[in-house]
PDB file of all heavy atoms in Angstrom:
ATOM      1  N   ARG A   1      -3.661 -11.159  -0.822  1.00  0.00           N
ATOM      2  CA  ARG A   1      -3.293 -10.096   0.125  1.00  0.00           C
ATOM      3  C   ARG A   1      -1.887 -10.319   0.690  1.00  0.00           C
ATOM      4  O   ARG A   1      -1.125  -9.357   0.853  1.00  0.00           O
ATOM      5  CB  ARG A   1      -4.291 -10.020   1.276  1.00  0.00           C
ATOM      6  CG  ARG A   1      -5.600  -9.377   0.878  1.00  0.00           C
ATOM      7  CD  ARG A   1      -6.531  -9.166   2.063  1.00  0.00           C
ATOM      8  NE  ARG A   1      -5.971  -8.168   2.942  1.00  0.00           N
ATOM      9  CZ  ARG A   1      -5.703  -8.363   4.233  1.00  0.00           C
ATOM     10  NH1 ARG A   1      -5.950  -9.508   4.819  1.00  0.00           N
ATOM     11  NH2 ARG A   1      -5.203  -7.386   4.959  1.00  0.00           N
ATOM     12  N   LEU A   2      -1.531 -11.558   0.983  1.00  0.00           N
ATOM     13  CA  LEU A   2      -0.190 -11.840   1.503  1.00  0.00           C
ATOM     14  C   LEU A   2       0.888 -11.452   0.496  1.00  0.00           C
ATOM     15  O   LEU A   2       1.904 -10.849   0.866  1.00  0.00           O
ATOM     16  CB  LEU A   2      -0.055 -13.320   1.880  1.00  0.00           C
ATOM     17  CG  LEU A   2      -0.774 -13.764   3.134  1.00  0.00           C
ATOM     18  CD1 LEU A   2      -0.714 -15.287   3.266  1.00  0.00           C
ATOM     19  CD2 LEU A   2      -0.202 -13.086   4.367  1.00  0.00           C
ATOM     20  N   VAL A   3       0.663 -11.791  -0.765  1.00  0.00           N
ATOM     21  CA  VAL A   3       1.639 -11.440  -1.802  1.00  0.00           C
ATOM     22  C   VAL A   3       1.728  -9.923  -1.951  1.00  0.00           C
ATOM     23  O   VAL A   3       2.824  -9.352  -1.983  1.00  0.00           O
ATOM     24  CB  VAL A   3       1.288 -12.114  -3.148  1.00  0.00           C
ATOM     25  CG1 VAL A   3       2.135 -11.558  -4.287  1.00  0.00           C
ATOM     26  CG2 VAL A   3       1.452 -13.628  -3.041  1.00  0.00           C
ATOM     27  N   LEU A   4       0.579  -9.255  -2.032  1.00  0.00           N
ATOM     28  CA  LEU A   4       0.589  -7.791  -2.163  1.00  0.00           C
ATOM     29  C   LEU A   4       1.227  -7.131  -0.946  1.00  0.00           C
ATOM     30  O   LEU A   4       1.983  -6.161  -1.087  1.00  0.00           O
ATOM     31  CB  LEU A   4      -0.836  -7.272  -2.369  1.00  0.00           C
ATOM     32  CG  LEU A   4      -1.482  -7.605  -3.713  1.00  0.00           C
ATOM     33  CD1 LEU A   4      -2.968  -7.271  -3.691  1.00  0.00           C
ATOM     34  CD2 LEU A   4      -0.775  -6.890  -4.854  1.00  0.00           C
ATOM     35  N   ALA A   5       0.939  -7.647   0.242  1.00  0.00           N
ATOM     36  CA  ALA A   5       1.532  -7.073   1.461  1.00  0.00           C
ATOM     37  C   ALA A   5       3.049  -7.187   1.429  1.00  0.00           C
ATOM     38  O   ALA A   5       3.757  -6.256   1.831  1.00  0.00           O
ATOM     39  CB  ALA A   5       0.966  -7.767   2.696  1.00  0.00           C
ATOM     40  N   GLU A   6       3.548  -8.304   0.941  1.00  0.00           N
ATOM     41  CA  GLU A   6       5.006  -8.460   0.844  1.00  0.00           C
ATOM     42  C   GLU A   6       5.579  -7.502  -0.184  1.00  0.00           C
ATOM     43  O   GLU A   6       6.601  -6.866   0.057  1.00  0.00           O
ATOM     44  CB  GLU A   6       5.360  -9.903   0.491  1.00  0.00           C
ATOM     45  CG  GLU A   6       6.845 -10.159   0.452  1.00  0.00           C
ATOM     46  CD  GLU A   6       7.541  -9.900   1.777  1.00  0.00           C
ATOM     47  OE1 GLU A   6       6.983 -10.213   2.847  1.00  0.00           O
ATOM     48  OE2 GLU A   6       8.684  -9.367   1.746  1.00  0.00           O
ATOM     49  N   ARG A   7       4.921  -7.377  -1.332  1.00  0.00           N
ATOM     50  CA  ARG A   7       5.413  -6.473  -2.380  1.00  0.00           C
ATOM     51  C   ARG A   7       5.372  -5.012  -1.919  1.00  0.00           C
ATOM     52  O   ARG A   7       6.191  -4.200  -2.333  1.00  0.00           O
ATOM     53  CB  ARG A   7       4.592  -6.629  -3.658  1.00  0.00           C
ATOM     54  CG  ARG A   7       4.628  -8.011  -4.278  1.00  0.00           C
ATOM     55  CD  ARG A   7       5.987  -8.382  -4.794  1.00  0.00           C
ATOM     56  NE  ARG A   7       5.938  -9.627  -5.551  1.00  0.00           N
ATOM     57  CZ  ARG A   7       6.708 -10.678  -5.312  1.00  0.00           C
ATOM     58  NH1 ARG A   7       7.605 -10.631  -4.350  1.00  0.00           N
ATOM     59  NH2 ARG A   7       6.608 -11.761  -6.043  1.00  0.00           N
ATOM     60  N   LEU A   8       4.415  -4.694  -1.029  1.00  0.00           N
ATOM     61  CA  LEU A   8       4.287  -3.322  -0.507  1.00  0.00           C
ATOM     62  C   LEU A   8       5.081  -3.123   0.779  1.00  0.00           C
ATOM     63  O   LEU A   8       5.046  -2.044   1.370  1.00  0.00           O
ATOM     64  CB  LEU A   8       2.811  -2.994  -0.257  1.00  0.00           C
ATOM     65  CG  LEU A   8       1.972  -2.805  -1.514  1.00  0.00           C
ATOM     66  CD1 LEU A   8       0.487  -2.857  -1.177  1.00  0.00           C
ATOM     67  CD2 LEU A   8       2.335  -1.479  -2.178  1.00  0.00           C
ATOM     68  N   ASP A   9       5.761  -4.153   1.216  1.00  0.00           N
ATOM     69  CA  ASP A   9       6.595  -4.098   2.422  1.00  0.00           C
ATOM     70  C   ASP A   9       5.783  -3.718   3.669  1.00  0.00           C
ATOM     71  O   ASP A   9       6.196  -2.887   4.465  1.00  0.00           O
ATOM     72  CB  ASP A   9       7.761  -3.129   2.214  1.00  0.00           C
ATOM     73  CG  ASP A   9       8.910  -3.403   3.176  1.00  0.00           C
ATOM     74  OD1 ASP A   9       9.061  -4.559   3.606  1.00  0.00           O
ATOM     75  OD2 ASP A   9       9.632  -2.447   3.508  1.00  0.00           O
ATOM     76  N   ILE A  10       4.616  -4.330   3.808  1.00  0.00           N
ATOM     77  CA  ILE A  10       3.779  -4.089   4.986  1.00  0.00           C
ATOM     78  C   ILE A  10       4.251  -5.012   6.103  1.00  0.00           C
ATOM     79  O   ILE A  10       4.181  -6.224   5.986  1.00  0.00           O
ATOM     80  CB  ILE A  10       2.282  -4.329   4.675  1.00  0.00           C
ATOM     81  CG1 ILE A  10       1.803  -3.365   3.596  1.00  0.00           C
ATOM     82  CG2 ILE A  10       1.447  -4.191   5.947  1.00  0.00           C
ATOM     83  CD1 ILE A  10       0.389  -3.624   3.130  1.00  0.00           C
ATOM     84  N   ARG A  11       4.735  -4.405   7.177  1.00  0.00           N
ATOM     85  CA  ARG A  11       5.258  -5.154   8.324  1.00  0.00           C
ATOM     86  C   ARG A  11       4.523  -4.838   9.622  1.00  0.00           C
ATOM     87  O   ARG A  11       4.539  -5.625  10.551  1.00  0.00           O
ATOM     88  CB  ARG A  11       6.745  -4.868   8.529  1.00  0.00           C
ATOM     89  CG  ARG A  11       7.614  -5.201   7.366  1.00  0.00           C
ATOM     90  CD  ARG A  11       7.860  -6.700   7.268  1.00  0.00           C
ATOM     91  NE  ARG A  11       8.684  -7.013   6.117  1.00  0.00           N
ATOM     92  CZ  ARG A  11       8.234  -7.572   5.009  1.00  0.00           C
ATOM     93  NH1 ARG A  11       6.982  -7.898   4.894  1.00  0.00           N
ATOM     94  NH2 ARG A  11       9.024  -7.813   4.005  1.00  0.00           N
ATOM     95  N   ASP A  12       3.921  -3.629   9.669  1.00  0.00           N
ATOM     96  CA  ASP A  12       3.262  -3.221  10.907  1.00  0.00           C
ATOM     97  C   ASP A  12       2.139  -2.237  10.584  1.00  0.00           C
ATOM     98  O   ASP A  12       1.848  -1.968   9.419  1.00  0.00           O
ATOM     99  CB  ASP A  12       4.274  -2.613  11.890  1.00  0.00           C
ATOM    100  CG  ASP A  12       5.050  -1.436  11.301  1.00  0.00           C
ATOM    101  OD1 ASP A  12       4.534  -0.741  10.400  1.00  0.00           O
ATOM    102  OD2 ASP A  12       6.181  -1.198  11.750  1.00  0.00           O
ATOM    103  N   GLU A  13       1.509  -1.715  11.626  1.00  0.00           N
ATOM    104  CA  GLU A  13       0.383  -0.786  11.454  1.00  0.00           C
ATOM    105  C   GLU A  13       0.772   0.482  10.701  1.00  0.00           C
ATOM    106  O   GLU A  13      -0.010   1.010   9.921  1.00  0.00           O
ATOM    107  CB  GLU A  13      -0.210  -0.415  12.820  1.00  0.00           C
ATOM    108  CG  GLU A  13      -1.011  -1.523  13.456  1.00  0.00           C
ATOM    109  CD  GLU A  13      -2.238  -1.889  12.641  1.00  0.00           C
ATOM    110  OE1 GLU A  13      -2.946  -0.990  12.134  1.00  0.00           O
ATOM    111  OE2 GLU A  13      -2.493  -3.098  12.509  1.00  0.00           O
ATOM    112  N   THR A  14       1.979   0.974  10.924  1.00  0.00           N
ATOM    113  CA  THR A  14       2.435   2.185  10.232  1.00  0.00           C
ATOM    114  C   THR A  14       2.494   1.942   8.728  1.00  0.00           C
ATOM    115  O   THR A  14       2.042   2.778   7.934  1.00  0.00           O
ATOM    116  CB  THR A  14       3.817   2.620  10.748  1.00  0.00           C
ATOM    117  OG1 THR A  14       3.745   2.801  12.162  1.00  0.00           O
ATOM    118  CG2 THR A  14       4.283   3.899  10.085  1.00  0.00           C
ATOM    119  N   ASP A  15       3.027   0.789   8.347  1.00  0.00           N
ATOM    120  CA  ASP A  15       3.082   0.443   6.923  1.00  0.00           C
ATOM    121  C   ASP A  15       1.675   0.292   6.349  1.00  0.00           C
ATOM    122  O   ASP A  15       1.397   0.741   5.237  1.00  0.00           O
ATOM    123  CB  ASP A  15       3.845  -0.869   6.715  1.00  0.00           C
ATOM    124  CG  ASP A  15       5.299  -0.782   7.140  1.00  0.00           C
ATOM    125  OD1 ASP A  15       5.869   0.324   7.105  1.00  0.00           O
ATOM    126  OD2 ASP A  15       5.860  -1.840   7.502  1.00  0.00           O
ATOM    127  N   ALA A  16       0.794  -0.340   7.112  1.00  0.00           N
ATOM    128  CA  ALA A  16      -0.590  -0.525   6.651  1.00  0.00           C
ATOM    129  C   ALA A  16      -1.288   0.827   6.486  1.00  0.00           C
ATOM    130  O   ALA A  16      -2.015   1.043   5.515  1.00  0.00           O
ATOM    131  CB  ALA A  16      -1.350  -1.414   7.625  1.00  0.00           C
ATOM    132  N   ASP A  17      -1.055   1.744   7.419  1.00  0.00           N
ATOM    133  CA  ASP A  17      -1.648   3.082   7.315  1.00  0.00           C
ATOM    134  C   ASP A  17      -1.153   3.805   6.068  1.00  0.00           C
ATOM    135  O   ASP A  17      -1.924   4.492   5.396  1.00  0.00           O
ATOM    136  CB  ASP A  17      -1.319   3.915   8.558  1.00  0.00           C
ATOM    137  CG  ASP A  17      -2.070   3.449   9.790  1.00  0.00           C
ATOM    138  OD1 ASP A  17      -3.073   2.710   9.651  1.00  0.00           O
ATOM    139  OD2 ASP A  17      -1.641   3.820  10.905  1.00  0.00           O
ATOM    140  N   ARG A  18       0.121   3.650   5.755  1.00  0.00           N
ATOM    141  CA  ARG A  18       0.687   4.271   4.552  1.00  0.00           C
ATOM    142  C   ARG A  18      -0.039   3.762   3.306  1.00  0.00           C
ATOM    143  O   ARG A  18      -0.402   4.536   2.423  1.00  0.00           O
ATOM    144  CB  ARG A  18       2.184   3.946   4.465  1.00  0.00           C
ATOM    145  CG  ARG A  18       2.842   4.299   3.146  1.00  0.00           C
ATOM    146  CD  ARG A  18       4.312   3.867   3.084  1.00  0.00           C
ATOM    147  NE  ARG A  18       4.594   2.517   3.505  1.00  0.00           N
ATOM    148  CZ  ARG A  18       4.482   1.424   2.724  1.00  0.00           C
ATOM    149  NH1 ARG A  18       4.083   1.553   1.471  1.00  0.00           N
ATOM    150  NH2 ARG A  18       4.769   0.229   3.191  1.00  0.00           N
ATOM    151  N   VAL A  19      -0.285   2.470   3.262  1.00  0.00           N
ATOM    152  CA  VAL A  19      -0.954   1.863   2.112  1.00  0.00           C
ATOM    153  C   VAL A  19      -2.414   2.302   2.041  1.00  0.00           C
ATOM    154  O   VAL A  19      -2.935   2.591   0.967  1.00  0.00           O
ATOM    155  CB  VAL A  19      -0.832   0.322   2.183  1.00  0.00           C
ATOM    156  CG1 VAL A  19      -1.746  -0.352   1.187  1.00  0.00           C
ATOM    157  CG2 VAL A  19       0.620  -0.084   1.952  1.00  0.00           C
ATOM    158  N   HIS A  20      -3.081   2.382   3.188  1.00  0.00           N
ATOM    159  CA  HIS A  20      -4.503   2.735   3.207  1.00  0.00           C
ATOM    160  C   HIS A  20      -4.764   4.213   2.884  1.00  0.00           C
ATOM    161  O   HIS A  20      -5.890   4.579   2.575  1.00  0.00           O
ATOM    162  CB  HIS A  20      -5.131   2.369   4.552  1.00  0.00           C
ATOM    163  CG  HIS A  20      -5.277   0.894   4.742  1.00  0.00           C
ATOM    164  ND1 HIS A  20      -5.956   0.087   3.854  1.00  0.00           N
ATOM    165  CD2 HIS A  20      -4.803   0.072   5.709  1.00  0.00           C
ATOM    166  CE1 HIS A  20      -5.902  -1.158   4.275  1.00  0.00           C
ATOM    167  NE2 HIS A  20      -5.198  -1.206   5.379  1.00  0.00           N
ATOM    168  N   ARG A  21      -3.737   5.037   2.936  1.00  0.00           N
ATOM    169  CA  ARG A  21      -3.910   6.461   2.603  1.00  0.00           C
ATOM    170  C   ARG A  21      -4.205   6.676   1.123  1.00  0.00           C
ATOM    171  O   ARG A  21      -4.818   7.668   0.752  1.00  0.00           O
ATOM    172  CB  ARG A  21      -2.660   7.257   2.986  1.00  0.00           C
ATOM    173  CG  ARG A  21      -2.700   7.708   4.419  1.00  0.00           C
ATOM    174  CD  ARG A  21      -1.575   8.668   4.738  1.00  0.00           C
ATOM    175  NE  ARG A  21      -0.877   8.099   5.883  1.00  0.00           N
ATOM    176  CZ  ARG A  21       0.407   7.839   5.950  1.00  0.00           C
ATOM    177  NH1 ARG A  21       1.189   8.148   4.953  1.00  0.00           N
ATOM    178  NH2 ARG A  21       0.934   7.295   7.003  1.00  0.00           N
ATOM    179  N   VAL A  22      -3.754   5.767   0.273  1.00  0.00           N
ATOM    180  CA  VAL A  22      -4.006   5.879  -1.165  1.00  0.00           C
ATOM    181  C   VAL A  22      -5.441   5.425  -1.401  1.00  0.00           C
ATOM    182  O   VAL A  22      -5.780   4.267  -1.186  1.00  0.00           O
ATOM    183  CB  VAL A  22      -3.016   5.015  -1.981  1.00  0.00           C
ATOM    184  CG1 VAL A  22      -3.270   5.188  -3.470  1.00  0.00           C
ATOM    185  CG2 VAL A  22      -1.578   5.351  -1.622  1.00  0.00           C
ATOM    186  N   GLN A  23      -6.307   6.335  -1.830  1.00  0.00           N
ATOM    187  CA  GLN A  23      -7.740   6.043  -1.928  1.00  0.00           C
ATOM    188  C   GLN A  23      -8.331   6.229  -3.322  1.00  0.00           C
ATOM    189  O   GLN A  23      -9.402   5.722  -3.597  1.00  0.00           O
ATOM    190  CB  GLN A  23      -8.521   6.939  -0.954  1.00  0.00           C
ATOM    191  CG  GLN A  23      -8.215   6.687   0.491  1.00  0.00           C
ATOM    192  CD  GLN A  23      -8.737   5.349   0.960  1.00  0.00           C
ATOM    193  OE1 GLN A  23      -9.808   4.922   0.564  1.00  0.00           O
ATOM    194  NE2 GLN A  23      -7.975   4.669   1.784  1.00  0.00           N
ATOM    195  N   ASP A  24      -7.671   6.945  -4.195  1.00  0.00           N
ATOM    196  CA  ASP A  24      -8.275   7.299  -5.479  1.00  0.00           C
ATOM    197  C   ASP A  24      -7.444   6.740  -6.629  1.00  0.00           C
ATOM    198  O   ASP A  24      -6.225   6.939  -6.683  1.00  0.00           O
ATOM    199  CB  ASP A  24      -8.356   8.829  -5.583  1.00  0.00           C
ATOM    200  CG  ASP A  24      -9.163   9.290  -6.770  1.00  0.00           C
ATOM    201  OD1 ASP A  24      -9.352   8.506  -7.717  1.00  0.00           O
ATOM    202  OD2 ASP A  24      -9.619  10.446  -6.749  1.00  0.00           O
ATOM    203  N   TRP A  25      -8.115   6.043  -7.557  1.00  0.00           N
ATOM    204  CA  TRP A  25      -7.413   5.468  -8.706  1.00  0.00           C
ATOM    205  C   TRP A  25      -6.739   6.553  -9.540  1.00  0.00           C
ATOM    206  O   TRP A  25      -5.725   6.286 -10.187  1.00  0.00           O
ATOM    207  CB  TRP A  25      -8.372   4.650  -9.572  1.00  0.00           C
ATOM    208  CG  TRP A  25      -8.790   3.380  -8.895  1.00  0.00           C
ATOM    209  CD1 TRP A  25      -9.937   3.166  -8.206  1.00  0.00           C
ATOM    210  CD2 TRP A  25      -8.044   2.172  -8.814  1.00  0.00           C
ATOM    211  NE1 TRP A  25      -9.962   1.898  -7.697  1.00  0.00           N
ATOM    212  CE2 TRP A  25      -8.816   1.249  -8.056  1.00  0.00           C
ATOM    213  CE3 TRP A  25      -6.808   1.757  -9.302  1.00  0.00           C
ATOM    214  CZ2 TRP A  25      -8.380  -0.041  -7.783  1.00  0.00           C
ATOM    215  CZ3 TRP A  25      -6.389   0.465  -9.032  1.00  0.00           C
ATOM    216  CH2 TRP A  25      -7.167  -0.417  -8.279  1.00  0.00           C
ATOM    217  N   GLY A  26      -7.266   7.767  -9.511  1.00  0.00           N
ATOM    218  CA  GLY A  26      -6.649   8.867 -10.235  1.00  0.00           C
ATOM    219  C   GLY A  26      -5.309   9.277  -9.653  1.00  0.00           C
ATOM    220  O   GLY A  26      -4.492   9.898 -10.320  1.00  0.00           O
ATOM    221  N   ASP A  27      -5.083   8.918  -8.385  1.00  0.00           N
ATOM    222  CA  ASP A  27      -3.820   9.246  -7.718  1.00  0.00           C
ATOM    223  C   ASP A  27      -2.747   8.188  -7.942  1.00  0.00           C
ATOM    224  O   ASP A  27      -1.611   8.363  -7.505  1.00  0.00           O
ATOM    225  CB  ASP A  27      -4.033   9.394  -6.208  1.00  0.00           C
ATOM    226  CG  ASP A  27      -4.918  10.575  -5.866  1.00  0.00           C
ATOM    227  OD1 ASP A  27      -5.027  11.498  -6.707  1.00  0.00           O
ATOM    228  OD2 ASP A  27      -5.507  10.569  -4.769  1.00  0.00           O
ATOM    229  N   ALA A  28      -3.085   7.100  -8.593  1.00  0.00           N
ATOM    230  CA  ALA A  28      -2.128   6.009  -8.810  1.00  0.00           C
ATOM    231  C   ALA A  28      -1.190   6.385  -9.944  1.00  0.00           C
ATOM    232  O   ALA A  28      -1.467   6.133 -11.109  1.00  0.00           O
ATOM    233  CB  ALA A  28      -2.854   4.712  -9.108  1.00  0.00           C
ATOM    234  N   ASP A  29      -0.073   6.999  -9.581  1.00  0.00           N
ATOM    235  CA  ASP A  29       0.869   7.446 -10.594  1.00  0.00           C
ATOM    236  C   ASP A  29       2.170   6.641 -10.593  1.00  0.00           C
ATOM    237  O   ASP A  29       3.078   6.934 -11.351  1.00  0.00           O
ATOM    238  CB  ASP A  29       1.164   8.932 -10.431  1.00  0.00           C
ATOM    239  CG  ASP A  29       1.652   9.278  -9.036  1.00  0.00           C
ATOM    240  OD1 ASP A  29       1.817   8.364  -8.201  1.00  0.00           O
ATOM    241  OD2 ASP A  29       1.864  10.473  -8.775  1.00  0.00           O
ATOM    242  N   ASP A  30       2.253   5.628  -9.731  1.00  0.00           N
ATOM    243  CA  ASP A  30       3.409   4.747  -9.724  1.00  0.00           C
ATOM    244  C   ASP A  30       2.961   3.343  -9.307  1.00  0.00           C
ATOM    245  O   ASP A  30       1.810   3.126  -8.934  1.00  0.00           O
ATOM    246  CB  ASP A  30       4.508   5.274  -8.804  1.00  0.00           C
ATOM    247  CG  ASP A  30       4.061   5.422  -7.355  1.00  0.00           C
ATOM    248  OD1 ASP A  30       3.011   4.863  -6.974  1.00  0.00           O
ATOM    249  OD2 ASP A  30       4.766   6.095  -6.593  1.00  0.00           O
ATOM    250  N   VAL A  31       3.867   2.406  -9.379  1.00  0.00           N
ATOM    251  CA  VAL A  31       3.532   1.009  -9.098  1.00  0.00           C
ATOM    252  C   VAL A  31       3.059   0.838  -7.656  1.00  0.00           C
ATOM    253  O   VAL A  31       2.072   0.147  -7.395  1.00  0.00           O
ATOM    254  CB  VAL A  31       4.743   0.084  -9.395  1.00  0.00           C
ATOM    255  CG1 VAL A  31       4.479  -1.332  -8.927  1.00  0.00           C
ATOM    256  CG2 VAL A  31       5.082   0.101 -10.876  1.00  0.00           C
ATOM    257  N   GLU A  32       3.738   1.491  -6.719  1.00  0.00           N
ATOM    258  CA  GLU A  32       3.363   1.318  -5.309  1.00  0.00           C
ATOM    259  C   GLU A  32       1.960   1.839  -5.020  1.00  0.00           C
ATOM    260  O   GLU A  32       1.185   1.184  -4.318  1.00  0.00           O
ATOM    261  CB  GLU A  32       4.361   2.001  -4.376  1.00  0.00           C
ATOM    262  CG  GLU A  32       4.017   1.738  -2.922  1.00  0.00           C
ATOM    263  CD  GLU A  32       5.060   2.203  -1.945  1.00  0.00           C
ATOM    264  OE1 GLU A  32       6.239   2.349  -2.318  1.00  0.00           O
ATOM    265  OE2 GLU A  32       4.689   2.419  -0.777  1.00  0.00           O
TER     266      GLU A  32
END
């Protein structure tokens, strides 16, 4: 999780919320 958080640039709650919005594997159209 620490490595993934760094790669996703998670620094605060706003960043975490951005990451948690992606919920469906069908929506994964890019690396992020």
